[in-house]
Amino acid sequence: GFNNAMPFWFFPAVLLVASLPALPWLVLGHLGTRQGEGSDPD
């Protein structure tokens, strides 16, 4: 009964649009295989 009803995908879409300039590095880095090979010891 409150205002601003939005679909479930609203926030993923907001993050996607608002962070577009940085997203290529996020995708490239985590798909790549350099330095550390994806290890996450801590």
Full PDB file with SEQRES, HELIX, SHEET, SSBOND, CRYST1, ORIGX, SCALE, CONECT and MASTER records, all heavy atoms in Angstrom:
SEQRES   1 A   42  GLY PHE ASN ASN ALA MET PRO PHE TRP PHE PHE PRO ALA          
SEQRES   2 A   42  VAL LEU LEU VAL ALA SER LEU PRO ALA LEU PRO TRP LEU          
SEQRES   3 A   42  VAL LEU GLY HIS LEU GLY THR ARG GLN GLY GLU GLY SER          
SEQRES   4 A   42  ASP PRO ASP                                                  
HELIX    1 AA1 PHE A   10  ALA A   18  1                                   9    
HELIX    2 AA2 LEU A   20  ALA A   22  5                                   3    
HELIX    3 AA3 LEU A   23  LEU A   31  1                                   9    
CRYST1    1.000    1.000    1.000  90.00  90.00  90.00 P 1           1          
ORIGX1      1.000000  0.000000  0.000000        0.00000                         
ORIGX2      0.000000  1.000000  0.000000        0.00000                         
ORIGX3      0.000000  0.000000  1.000000        0.00000                         
SCALE1      1.000000  0.000000  0.000000        0.00000                         
SCALE2      0.000000  1.000000  0.000000        0.00000                         
SCALE3      0.000000  0.000000  1.000000        0.00000                         
ATOM      1  N   GLY A   1       0.784  -1.222   0.000  1.00  0.00           N  
ATOM      2  CA  GLY A   1       0.000   0.000   0.000  1.00  0.00           C  
ATOM      3  C   GLY A   1       0.816   1.272   0.000  1.00  0.00           C  
ATOM      4  O   GLY A   1       0.273   2.351   0.219  1.00  0.00           O  
ATOM      5  N   PHE A   2       2.127   1.159  -0.225  1.00  0.00           N  
ATOM      6  CA  PHE A   2       2.969   2.350  -0.199  1.00  0.00           C  
ATOM      7  C   PHE A   2       3.323   2.761  -1.622  1.00  0.00           C  
ATOM      8  O   PHE A   2       3.127   2.015  -2.581  1.00  0.00           O  
ATOM      9  CB  PHE A   2       4.240   2.081   0.619  1.00  0.00           C  
ATOM     10  CG  PHE A   2       3.953   1.810   2.069  1.00  0.00           C  
ATOM     11  CD1 PHE A   2       3.811   0.507   2.526  1.00  0.00           C  
ATOM     12  CD2 PHE A   2       3.798   2.842   2.966  1.00  0.00           C  
ATOM     13  CE1 PHE A   2       3.546   0.244   3.869  1.00  0.00           C  
ATOM     14  CE2 PHE A   2       3.525   2.594   4.311  1.00  0.00           C  
ATOM     15  CZ  PHE A   2       3.402   1.297   4.752  1.00  0.00           C  
ATOM     16  N   ASN A   3       3.887   3.946  -1.761  1.00  0.00           N  
ATOM     17  CA  ASN A   3       4.216   4.472  -3.090  1.00  0.00           C  
ATOM     18  C   ASN A   3       5.404   3.759  -3.701  1.00  0.00           C  
ATOM     19  O   ASN A   3       6.067   2.942  -3.066  1.00  0.00           O  
ATOM     20  CB  ASN A   3       4.517   5.971  -2.981  1.00  0.00           C  
ATOM     21  CG  ASN A   3       3.288   6.764  -2.618  1.00  0.00           C  
ATOM     22  OD1 ASN A   3       2.170   6.259  -2.628  1.00  0.00           O  
ATOM     23  ND2 ASN A   3       3.489   8.032  -2.286  1.00  0.00           N  
ATOM     24  N   ASN A   4       5.702   4.126  -4.957  1.00  0.00           N  
ATOM     25  CA  ASN A   4       6.921   3.718  -5.658  1.00  0.00           C  
ATOM     26  C   ASN A   4       7.011   2.211  -5.868  1.00  0.00           C  
ATOM     27  O   ASN A   4       8.071   1.611  -5.693  1.00  0.00           O  
ATOM     28  CB  ASN A   4       8.165   4.203  -4.898  1.00  0.00           C  
ATOM     29  CG  ASN A   4       8.076   5.677  -4.531  1.00  0.00           C  
ATOM     30  OD1 ASN A   4       7.965   6.531  -5.393  1.00  0.00           O  
ATOM     31  ND2 ASN A   4       8.096   5.952  -3.240  1.00  0.00           N  
ATOM     32  N   ALA A   5       5.897   1.584  -6.219  1.00  0.00           N  
ATOM     33  CA  ALA A   5       5.926   0.152  -6.531  1.00  0.00           C  
ATOM     34  C   ALA A   5       6.734  -0.062  -7.810  1.00  0.00           C  
ATOM     35  O   ALA A   5       6.493   0.583  -8.828  1.00  0.00           O  
ATOM     36  CB  ALA A   5       4.511  -0.380  -6.695  1.00  0.00           C  
ATOM     37  N   MET A   6       7.700  -0.976  -7.738  1.00  0.00           N  
ATOM     38  CA  MET A   6       8.586  -1.261  -8.865  1.00  0.00           C  
ATOM     39  C   MET A   6       8.756  -2.766  -8.993  1.00  0.00           C  
ATOM     40  O   MET A   6       8.634  -3.502  -8.008  1.00  0.00           O  
ATOM     41  CB  MET A   6       9.955  -0.590  -8.663  1.00  0.00           C  
ATOM     42  CG  MET A   6       9.924   0.923  -8.702  1.00  0.00           C  
ATOM     43  SD  MET A   6       9.543   1.553 -10.360  1.00  0.00           S  
ATOM     44  CE  MET A   6       9.486   3.319 -10.037  1.00  0.00           C  
ATOM     45  N   PRO A   7       9.107  -3.260 -10.193  1.00  0.00           N  
ATOM     46  CA  PRO A   7       9.316  -4.700 -10.373  1.00  0.00           C  
ATOM     47  C   PRO A   7      10.574  -5.180  -9.665  1.00  0.00           C  
ATOM     48  O   PRO A   7      11.437  -4.381  -9.271  1.00  0.00           O  
ATOM     49  CB  PRO A   7       9.434  -4.855 -11.891  1.00  0.00           C  
ATOM     50  CG  PRO A   7       9.851  -3.511 -12.385  1.00  0.00           C  
ATOM     51  CD  PRO A   7       9.219  -2.513 -11.469  1.00  0.00           C  
ATOM     52  N   PHE A   8      10.720  -6.495  -9.572  1.00  0.00           N  
ATOM     53  CA  PHE A   8      11.838  -7.090  -8.844  1.00  0.00           C  
ATOM     54  C   PHE A   8      13.188  -6.702  -9.447  1.00  0.00           C  
ATOM     55  O   PHE A   8      14.178  -6.563  -8.726  1.00  0.00           O  
ATOM     56  CB  PHE A   8      11.697  -8.619  -8.844  1.00  0.00           C  
ATOM     57  CG  PHE A   8      12.716  -9.322  -7.994  1.00  0.00           C  
ATOM     58  CD1 PHE A   8      12.514  -9.488  -6.635  1.00  0.00           C  
ATOM     59  CD2 PHE A   8      13.884  -9.819  -8.558  1.00  0.00           C  
ATOM     60  CE1 PHE A   8      13.451 -10.132  -5.840  1.00  0.00           C  
ATOM     61  CE2 PHE A   8      14.837 -10.467  -7.773  1.00  0.00           C  
ATOM     62  CZ  PHE A   8      14.610 -10.624  -6.411  1.00  0.00           C  
ATOM     63  N   TRP A   9      13.233  -6.515 -10.772  1.00  0.00           N  
ATOM     64  CA  TRP A   9      14.509  -6.256 -11.450  1.00  0.00           C  
ATOM     65  C   TRP A   9      14.926  -4.778 -11.384  1.00  0.00           C  
ATOM     66  O   TRP A   9      15.938  -4.388 -11.978  1.00  0.00           O  
ATOM     67  CB  TRP A   9      14.426  -6.685 -12.914  1.00  0.00           C  
ATOM     68  CG  TRP A   9      13.211  -6.184 -13.655  1.00  0.00           C  
ATOM     69  CD1 TRP A   9      12.058  -6.861 -13.885  1.00  0.00           C  
ATOM     70  CD2 TRP A   9      13.039  -4.878 -14.243  1.00  0.00           C  
ATOM     71  NE1 TRP A   9      11.165  -6.070 -14.586  1.00  0.00           N  
ATOM     72  CE2 TRP A   9      11.742  -4.848 -14.823  1.00  0.00           C  
ATOM     73  CE3 TRP A   9      13.840  -3.746 -14.339  1.00  0.00           C  
ATOM     74  CZ2 TRP A   9      11.244  -3.735 -15.482  1.00  0.00           C  
ATOM     75  CZ3 TRP A   9      13.344  -2.626 -14.993  1.00  0.00           C  
ATOM     76  CH2 TRP A   9      12.061  -2.633 -15.558  1.00  0.00           C  
ATOM     77  N   PHE A  10      14.174  -3.937 -10.678  1.00  0.00           N  
ATOM     78  CA  PHE A  10      14.437  -2.497 -10.677  1.00  0.00           C  
ATOM     79  C   PHE A  10      15.851  -2.160 -10.198  1.00  0.00           C  
ATOM     80  O   PHE A  10      16.587  -1.419 -10.863  1.00  0.00           O  
ATOM     81  CB  PHE A  10      13.400  -1.793  -9.798  1.00  0.00           C  
ATOM     82  CG  PHE A  10      13.635  -0.312  -9.635  1.00  0.00           C  
ATOM     83  CD1 PHE A  10      13.403   0.555 -10.679  1.00  0.00           C  
ATOM     84  CD2 PHE A  10      14.090   0.216  -8.423  1.00  0.00           C  
ATOM     85  CE1 PHE A  10      13.604   1.930 -10.534  1.00  0.00           C  
ATOM     86  CE2 PHE A  10      14.295   1.572  -8.267  1.00  0.00           C  
ATOM     87  CZ  PHE A  10      14.055   2.432  -9.328  1.00  0.00           C  
ATOM     88  N   PHE A  11      16.260  -2.708  -9.052  1.00  0.00           N  
ATOM     89  CA  PHE A  11      17.569  -2.340  -8.497  1.00  0.00           C  
ATOM     90  C   PHE A  11      18.742  -2.882  -9.315  1.00  0.00           C  
ATOM     91  O   PHE A  11      19.734  -2.164  -9.498  1.00  0.00           O  
ATOM     92  CB  PHE A  11      17.666  -2.770  -7.040  1.00  0.00           C  
ATOM     93  CG  PHE A  11      16.885  -1.879  -6.116  1.00  0.00           C  
ATOM     94  CD1 PHE A  11      16.045  -2.416  -5.149  1.00  0.00           C  
ATOM     95  CD2 PHE A  11      16.971  -0.503  -6.205  1.00  0.00           C  
ATOM     96  CE1 PHE A  11      15.317  -1.598  -4.299  1.00  0.00           C  
ATOM     97  CE2 PHE A  11      16.249   0.326  -5.361  1.00  0.00           C  
ATOM     98  CZ  PHE A  11      15.418  -0.226  -4.410  1.00  0.00           C  
ATOM     99  N   PRO A  12      18.695  -4.129  -9.819  1.00  0.00           N  
ATOM    100  CA  PRO A  12      19.769  -4.536 -10.735  1.00  0.00           C  
ATOM    101  C   PRO A  12      19.898  -3.599 -11.934  1.00  0.00           C  
ATOM    102  O   PRO A  12      21.021  -3.284 -12.361  1.00  0.00           O  
ATOM    103  CB  PRO A  12      19.352  -5.946 -11.160  1.00  0.00           C  
ATOM    104  CG  PRO A  12      18.558  -6.458 -10.009  1.00  0.00           C  
ATOM    105  CD  PRO A  12      17.809  -5.260  -9.489  1.00  0.00           C  
ATOM    106  N   ALA A  13      18.766  -3.133 -12.460  1.00  0.00           N  
ATOM    107  CA  ALA A  13      18.818  -2.215 -13.598  1.00  0.00           C  
ATOM    108  C   ALA A  13      19.439  -0.874 -13.194  1.00  0.00           C  
ATOM    109  O   ALA A  13      20.240  -0.291 -13.943  1.00  0.00           O  
ATOM    110  CB  ALA A  13      17.408  -1.995 -14.155  1.00  0.00           C  
ATOM    111  N   VAL A  14      19.089  -0.382 -12.002  1.00  0.00           N  
ATOM    112  CA  VAL A  14      19.654   0.882 -11.525  1.00  0.00           C  
ATOM    113  C   VAL A  14      21.167   0.773 -11.381  1.00  0.00           C  
ATOM    114  O   VAL A  14      21.923   1.646 -11.833  1.00  0.00           O  
ATOM    115  CB  VAL A  14      19.016   1.283 -10.180  1.00  0.00           C  
ATOM    116  CG1 VAL A  14      19.794   2.430  -9.523  1.00  0.00           C  
ATOM    117  CG2 VAL A  14      17.569   1.695 -10.385  1.00  0.00           C  
ATOM    118  N   LEU A  15      21.637  -0.300 -10.756  1.00  0.00           N  
ATOM    119  CA  LEU A  15      23.084  -0.488 -10.594  1.00  0.00           C  
ATOM    120  C   LEU A  15      23.781  -0.617 -11.936  1.00  0.00           C  
ATOM    121  O   LEU A  15      24.888  -0.087 -12.133  1.00  0.00           O  
ATOM    122  CB  LEU A  15      23.354  -1.727  -9.743  1.00  0.00           C  
ATOM    123  CG  LEU A  15      23.124  -1.580  -8.234  1.00  0.00           C  
ATOM    124  CD1 LEU A  15      23.334  -2.921  -7.551  1.00  0.00           C  
ATOM    125  CD2 LEU A  15      24.060  -0.539  -7.641  1.00  0.00           C  
ATOM    126  N   LEU A  16      23.152  -1.318 -12.858  1.00  0.00           N  
ATOM    127  CA  LEU A  16      23.750  -1.500 -14.180  1.00  0.00           C  
ATOM    128  C   LEU A  16      23.928  -0.165 -14.883  1.00  0.00           C  
ATOM    129  O   LEU A  16      25.013   0.160 -15.382  1.00  0.00           O  
ATOM    130  CB  LEU A  16      22.869  -2.433 -15.018  1.00  0.00           C  
ATOM    131  CG  LEU A  16      23.341  -2.699 -16.455  1.00  0.00           C  
ATOM    132  CD1 LEU A  16      24.636  -3.488 -16.430  1.00  0.00           C  
ATOM    133  CD2 LEU A  16      22.271  -3.451 -17.239  1.00  0.00           C  
ATOM    134  N   VAL A  17      22.882   0.640 -14.912  1.00  0.00           N  
ATOM    135  CA  VAL A  17      22.941   1.921 -15.622  1.00  0.00           C  
ATOM    136  C   VAL A  17      23.876   2.890 -14.912  1.00  0.00           C  
ATOM    137  O   VAL A  17      24.686   3.578 -15.547  1.00  0.00           O  
ATOM    138  CB  VAL A  17      21.525   2.516 -15.742  1.00  0.00           C  
ATOM    139  CG1 VAL A  17      21.591   3.936 -16.297  1.00  0.00           C  
ATOM    140  CG2 VAL A  17      20.658   1.630 -16.626  1.00  0.00           C  
ATOM    141  N   ALA A  18      23.780   2.954 -13.583  1.00  0.00           N  
ATOM    142  CA  ALA A  18      24.546   3.943 -12.826  1.00  0.00           C  
ATOM    143  C   ALA A  18      26.042   3.644 -12.793  1.00  0.00           C  
ATOM    144  O   ALA A  18      26.840   4.535 -12.501  1.00  0.00           O  
ATOM    145  CB  ALA A  18      24.014   4.040 -11.402  1.00  0.00           C  
ATOM    146  N   SER A  19      26.443   2.412 -13.060  1.00  0.00           N  
ATOM    147  CA  SER A  19      27.864   2.052 -12.994  1.00  0.00           C  
ATOM    148  C   SER A  19      28.417   1.631 -14.344  1.00  0.00           C  
ATOM    149  O   SER A  19      29.457   0.969 -14.417  1.00  0.00           O  
ATOM    150  CB  SER A  19      28.064   0.923 -11.978  1.00  0.00           C  
ATOM    151  OG  SER A  19      27.256  -0.197 -12.302  1.00  0.00           O  
ATOM    152  N   LEU A  20      27.758   2.013 -15.440  1.00  0.00           N  
ATOM    153  CA  LEU A  20      28.182   1.578 -16.776  1.00  0.00           C  
ATOM    154  C   LEU A  20      29.654   1.854 -17.089  1.00  0.00           C  
ATOM    155  O   LEU A  20      30.327   0.972 -17.630  1.00  0.00           O  
ATOM    156  CB  LEU A  20      27.282   2.245 -17.838  1.00  0.00           C  
ATOM    157  CG  LEU A  20      25.977   1.523 -18.167  1.00  0.00           C  
ATOM    158  CD1 LEU A  20      25.156   2.340 -19.161  1.00  0.00           C  
ATOM    159  CD2 LEU A  20      26.254   0.130 -18.723  1.00  0.00           C  
ATOM    160  N   PRO A  21      30.204   3.058 -16.781  1.00  0.00           N  
ATOM    161  CA  PRO A  21      31.607   3.281 -17.147  1.00  0.00           C  
ATOM    162  C   PRO A  21      32.579   2.301 -16.501  1.00  0.00           C  
ATOM    163  O   PRO A  21      33.638   2.020 -17.057  1.00  0.00           O  
ATOM    164  CB  PRO A  21      31.866   4.716 -16.652  1.00  0.00           C  
ATOM    165  CG  PRO A  21      30.521   5.355 -16.629  1.00  0.00           C  
ATOM    166  CD  PRO A  21      29.578   4.263 -16.230  1.00  0.00           C  
ATOM    167  N   ALA A  22      32.229   1.762 -15.321  1.00  0.00           N  
ATOM    168  CA  ALA A  22      33.144   0.867 -14.616  1.00  0.00           C  
ATOM    169  C   ALA A  22      32.913  -0.601 -14.946  1.00  0.00           C  
ATOM    170  O   ALA A  22      33.776  -1.440 -14.668  1.00  0.00           O  
ATOM    171  CB  ALA A  22      33.022   1.072 -13.107  1.00  0.00           C  
ATOM    172  N   LEU A  23      31.778  -0.925 -15.537  1.00  0.00           N  
ATOM    173  CA  LEU A  23      31.422  -2.331 -15.737  1.00  0.00           C  
ATOM    174  C   LEU A  23      32.377  -3.099 -16.656  1.00  0.00           C  
ATOM    175  O   LEU A  23      32.638  -4.279 -16.421  1.00  0.00           O  
ATOM    176  CB  LEU A  23      29.991  -2.442 -16.260  1.00  0.00           C  
ATOM    177  CG  LEU A  23      28.889  -2.217 -15.220  1.00  0.00           C  
ATOM    178  CD1 LEU A  23      27.521  -2.416 -15.844  1.00  0.00           C  
ATOM    179  CD2 LEU A  23      29.056  -3.159 -14.036  1.00  0.00           C  
ATOM    180  N   PRO A  24      32.919  -2.492 -17.729  1.00  0.00           N  
ATOM    181  CA  PRO A  24      33.856  -3.266 -18.563  1.00  0.00           C  
ATOM    182  C   PRO A  24      35.035  -3.835 -17.782  1.00  0.00           C  
ATOM    183  O   PRO A  24      35.462  -4.968 -18.025  1.00  0.00           O  
ATOM    184  CB  PRO A  24      34.305  -2.245 -19.608  1.00  0.00           C  
ATOM    185  CG  PRO A  24      33.181  -1.277 -19.702  1.00  0.00           C  
ATOM    186  CD  PRO A  24      32.634  -1.172 -18.306  1.00  0.00           C  
ATOM    187  N   TRP A  25      35.563  -3.064 -16.822  1.00  0.00           N  
ATOM    188  CA  TRP A  25      36.704  -3.543 -16.041  1.00  0.00           C  
ATOM    189  C   TRP A  25      36.276  -4.655 -15.090  1.00  0.00           C  
ATOM    190  O   TRP A  25      37.042  -5.597 -14.843  1.00  0.00           O  
ATOM    191  CB  TRP A  25      37.339  -2.382 -15.272  1.00  0.00           C  
ATOM    192  CG  TRP A  25      37.491  -1.192 -16.156  1.00  0.00           C  
ATOM    193  CD1 TRP A  25      36.862   0.004 -16.063  1.00  0.00           C  
ATOM    194  CD2 TRP A  25      38.294  -1.125 -17.341  1.00  0.00           C  
ATOM    195  NE1 TRP A  25      37.212   0.830 -17.089  1.00  0.00           N  
ATOM    196  CE2 TRP A  25      38.099   0.166 -17.900  1.00  0.00           C  
ATOM    197  CE3 TRP A  25      39.155  -2.011 -17.983  1.00  0.00           C  
ATOM    198  CZ2 TRP A  25      38.743   0.583 -19.057  1.00  0.00           C  
ATOM    199  CZ3 TRP A  25      39.793  -1.602 -19.150  1.00  0.00           C  
ATOM    200  CH2 TRP A  25      39.587  -0.329 -19.678  1.00  0.00           C  
ATOM    201  N   LEU A  26      35.070  -4.563 -14.580  1.00  0.00           N  
ATOM    202  CA  LEU A  26      34.549  -5.637 -13.726  1.00  0.00           C  
ATOM    203  C   LEU A  26      34.451  -6.940 -14.508  1.00  0.00           C  
ATOM    204  O   LEU A  26      34.874  -7.996 -14.041  1.00  0.00           O  
ATOM    205  CB  LEU A  26      33.170  -5.227 -13.194  1.00  0.00           C  
ATOM    206  CG  LEU A  26      32.459  -6.230 -12.295  1.00  0.00           C  
ATOM    207  CD1 LEU A  26      33.222  -6.403 -10.996  1.00  0.00           C  
ATOM    208  CD2 LEU A  26      31.027  -5.775 -12.009  1.00  0.00           C  
ATOM    209  N   VAL A  27      33.915  -6.867 -15.719  1.00  0.00           N  
ATOM    210  CA  VAL A  27      33.745  -8.074 -16.547  1.00  0.00           C  
ATOM    211  C   VAL A  27      35.103  -8.605 -17.013  1.00  0.00           C  
ATOM    212  O   VAL A  27      35.405  -9.801 -16.872  1.00  0.00           O  
ATOM    213  CB  VAL A  27      32.839  -7.763 -17.752  1.00  0.00           C  
ATOM    214  CG1 VAL A  27      32.765  -8.976 -18.683  1.00  0.00           C  
ATOM    215  CG2 VAL A  27      31.448  -7.364 -17.281  1.00  0.00           C  
ATOM    216  N   LEU A  28      35.936  -7.715 -17.542  1.00  0.00           N  
ATOM    217  CA  LEU A  28      37.233  -8.157 -18.057  1.00  0.00           C  
ATOM    218  C   LEU A  28      38.100  -8.757 -16.962  1.00  0.00           C  
ATOM    219  O   LEU A  28      38.752  -9.784 -17.159  1.00  0.00           O  
ATOM    220  CB  LEU A  28      37.965  -6.973 -18.706  1.00  0.00           C  
ATOM    221  CG  LEU A  28      37.395  -6.462 -20.035  1.00  0.00           C  
ATOM    222  CD1 LEU A  28      38.109  -5.185 -20.450  1.00  0.00           C  
ATOM    223  CD2 LEU A  28      37.540  -7.535 -21.116  1.00  0.00           C  
ATOM    224  N   GLY A  29      38.125  -8.118 -15.809  1.00  0.00           N  
ATOM    225  CA  GLY A  29      38.987  -8.598 -14.732  1.00  0.00           C  
ATOM    226  C   GLY A  29      38.572  -9.943 -14.187  1.00  0.00           C  
ATOM    227  O   GLY A  29      39.415 -10.815 -13.940  1.00  0.00           O  
ATOM    228  N   HIS A  30      37.281 -10.145 -14.008  1.00  0.00           N  
ATOM    229  CA  HIS A  30      36.842 -11.397 -13.404  1.00  0.00           C  
ATOM    230  C   HIS A  30      36.698 -12.520 -14.416  1.00  0.00           C  
ATOM    231  O   HIS A  30      36.570 -13.681 -14.040  1.00  0.00           O  
ATOM    232  CB  HIS A  30      35.527 -11.175 -12.644  1.00  0.00           C  
ATOM    233  CG  HIS A  30      35.729 -10.416 -11.373  1.00  0.00           C  
ATOM    234  ND1 HIS A  30      36.367 -10.941 -10.270  1.00  0.00           N  
ATOM    235  CD2 HIS A  30      35.409  -9.127 -11.028  1.00  0.00           C  
ATOM    236  CE1 HIS A  30      36.411 -10.045  -9.298  1.00  0.00           C  
ATOM    237  NE2 HIS A  30      35.842  -8.934  -9.741  1.00  0.00           N  
ATOM    238  N   LEU A  31      36.761 -12.172 -15.719  1.00  0.00           N  
ATOM    239  CA  LEU A  31      36.822 -13.230 -16.728  1.00  0.00           C  
ATOM    240  C   LEU A  31      38.246 -13.578 -17.091  1.00  0.00           C  
ATOM    241  O   LEU A  31      38.496 -14.602 -17.705  1.00  0.00           O  
ATOM    242  CB  LEU A  31      36.073 -12.781 -17.995  1.00  0.00           C  
ATOM    243  CG  LEU A  31      34.549 -12.703 -17.900  1.00  0.00           C  
ATOM    244  CD1 LEU A  31      33.961 -12.239 -19.223  1.00  0.00           C  
ATOM    245  CD2 LEU A  31      33.959 -14.055 -17.514  1.00  0.00           C  
ATOM    246  N   GLY A  32      39.169 -12.690 -16.726  1.00  0.00           N  
ATOM    247  CA  GLY A  32      40.571 -12.910 -17.069  1.00  0.00           C  
ATOM    248  C   GLY A  32      41.210 -13.966 -16.187  1.00  0.00           C  
ATOM    249  O   GLY A  32      40.618 -14.503 -15.261  1.00  0.00           O  
ATOM    250  N   THR A  33      42.483 -14.249 -16.457  1.00  0.00           N  
ATOM    251  CA  THR A  33      43.197 -15.293 -15.710  1.00  0.00           C  
ATOM    252  C   THR A  33      44.539 -14.796 -15.195  1.00  0.00           C  
ATOM    253  O   THR A  33      45.416 -15.588 -14.891  1.00  0.00           O  
ATOM    254  CB  THR A  33      43.435 -16.508 -16.612  1.00  0.00           C  
ATOM    255  OG1 THR A  33      44.151 -16.103 -17.792  1.00  0.00           O  
ATOM    256  CG2 THR A  33      42.126 -17.156 -17.018  1.00  0.00           C  
ATOM    257  N   ARG A  34      44.694 -13.471 -15.087  1.00  0.00           N  
ATOM    258  CA  ARG A  34      45.984 -12.966 -14.640  1.00  0.00           C  
ATOM    259  C   ARG A  34      46.050 -12.894 -13.128  1.00  0.00           C  
ATOM    260  O   ARG A  34      45.062 -13.059 -12.436  1.00  0.00           O  
ATOM    261  CB  ARG A  34      46.238 -11.576 -15.217  1.00  0.00           C  
ATOM    262  CG  ARG A  34      46.246 -11.530 -16.741  1.00  0.00           C  
ATOM    263  CD  ARG A  34      46.718 -10.169 -17.197  1.00  0.00           C  
ATOM    264  NE  ARG A  34      46.473  -9.980 -18.621  1.00  0.00           N  
ATOM    265  CZ  ARG A  34      46.814  -8.899 -19.290  1.00  0.00           C  
ATOM    266  NH1 ARG A  34      47.410  -7.903 -18.677  1.00  0.00           N  
ATOM    267  NH2 ARG A  34      46.550  -8.797 -20.574  1.00  0.00           N  
ATOM    268  N   GLN A  35      47.175 -12.584 -12.648  1.00  0.00           N  
ATOM    269  CA  GLN A  35      47.547 -12.309 -11.265  1.00  0.00           C  
ATOM    270  C   GLN A  35      46.596 -12.886 -10.222  1.00  0.00           C  
ATOM    271  O   GLN A  35      45.559 -12.352  -9.921  1.00  0.00           O  
ATOM    272  CB  GLN A  35      47.657 -10.799 -11.042  1.00  0.00           C  
ATOM    273  CG  GLN A  35      48.385 -10.490  -9.739  1.00  0.00           C  
ATOM    274  CD  GLN A  35      48.918  -9.090  -9.731  1.00  0.00           C  
ATOM    275  OE1 GLN A  35      49.054  -8.444 -10.754  1.00  0.00           O  
ATOM    276  NE2 GLN A  35      49.273  -8.621  -8.560  1.00  0.00           N  
ATOM    277  N   GLY A  36      46.973 -13.983  -9.683  1.00  0.00           N  
ATOM    278  CA  GLY A  36      46.232 -14.589  -8.583  1.00  0.00           C  
ATOM    279  C   GLY A  36      45.310 -15.690  -9.018  1.00  0.00           C  
ATOM    280  O   GLY A  36      44.844 -16.486  -8.204  1.00  0.00           O  
ATOM    281  N   GLU A  37      45.002 -15.768 -10.320  1.00  0.00           N  
ATOM    282  CA  GLU A  37      44.132 -16.823 -10.845  1.00  0.00           C  
ATOM    283  C   GLU A  37      42.838 -16.954 -10.055  1.00  0.00           C  
ATOM    284  O   GLU A  37      42.323 -18.034  -9.849  1.00  0.00           O  
ATOM    285  CB  GLU A  37      44.884 -18.171 -10.846  1.00  0.00           C  
ATOM    286  CG  GLU A  37      46.110 -18.188 -11.757  1.00  0.00           C  
ATOM    287  CD  GLU A  37      45.750 -18.041 -13.228  1.00  0.00           C  
ATOM    288  OE1 GLU A  37      44.639 -18.468 -13.603  1.00  0.00           O  
ATOM    289  OE2 GLU A  37      46.553 -17.507 -13.993  1.00  0.00           O  
ATOM    290  N   GLY A  38      42.333 -15.823  -9.609  1.00  0.00           N  
ATOM    291  CA  GLY A  38      41.037 -15.848  -8.927  1.00  0.00           C  
ATOM    292  C   GLY A  38      41.102 -16.287  -7.482  1.00  0.00           C  
ATOM    293  O   GLY A  38      40.067 -16.516  -6.859  1.00  0.00           O  
ATOM    294  N   SER A  39      42.321 -16.444  -6.904  1.00  0.00           N  
ATOM    295  CA  SER A  39      42.421 -16.870  -5.506  1.00  0.00           C  
ATOM    296  C   SER A  39      41.882 -15.774  -4.595  1.00  0.00           C  
ATOM    297  O   SER A  39      41.966 -14.589  -4.905  1.00  0.00           O  
ATOM    298  CB  SER A  39      43.881 -17.171  -5.161  1.00  0.00           C  
ATOM    299  OG  SER A  39      44.672 -16.007  -5.295  1.00  0.00           O  
ATOM    300  N   ASP A  40      41.353 -16.192  -3.467  1.00  0.00           N  
ATOM    301  CA  ASP A  40      40.749 -15.253  -2.512  1.00  0.00           C  
ATOM    302  C   ASP A  40      41.015 -15.769  -1.104  1.00  0.00           C  
ATOM    303  O   ASP A  40      40.084 -16.135  -0.383  1.00  0.00           O  
ATOM    304  CB  ASP A  40      39.248 -15.136  -2.800  1.00  0.00           C  
ATOM    305  CG  ASP A  40      38.567 -14.071  -1.944  1.00  0.00           C  
ATOM    306  OD1 ASP A  40      39.250 -13.106  -1.541  1.00  0.00           O  
ATOM    307  OD2 ASP A  40      37.363 -14.214  -1.689  1.00  0.00           O  
ATOM    308  N   PRO A  41      42.305 -15.804  -0.695  1.00  0.00           N  
ATOM    309  CA  PRO A  41      42.646 -16.468   0.566  1.00  0.00           C  
ATOM    310  C   PRO A  41      41.989 -15.853   1.794  1.00  0.00           C  
ATOM    311  O   PRO A  41      41.703 -16.558   2.763  1.00  0.00           O  
ATOM    312  CB  PRO A  41      44.173 -16.340   0.634  1.00  0.00           C  
ATOM    313  CG  PRO A  41      44.511 -15.190  -0.263  1.00  0.00           C  
ATOM    314  CD  PRO A  41      43.487 -15.225  -1.364  1.00  0.00           C  
ATOM    315  N   ASP A  42      41.752 -14.562   1.799  1.00  0.00           N  
ATOM    316  CA  ASP A  42      41.142 -13.918   2.963  1.00  0.00           C  
ATOM    317  C   ASP A  42      39.645 -13.694   2.798  1.00  0.00           C  
ATOM    318  O   ASP A  42      39.005 -13.134   3.688  1.00  0.00           O  
ATOM    319  CB  ASP A  42      41.839 -12.586   3.251  1.00  0.00           C  
ATOM    320  CG  ASP A  42      43.277 -12.796   3.690  1.00  0.00           C  
ATOM    321  OD1 ASP A  42      43.494 -13.636   4.585  1.00  0.00           O  
ATOM    322  OD2 ASP A  42      44.171 -12.147   3.132  1.00  0.00           O  
TER     323      ASP A  42                                                      
MASTER        0    0    0    3    0    0    0    6  322    1    0    4          
END                                                                             
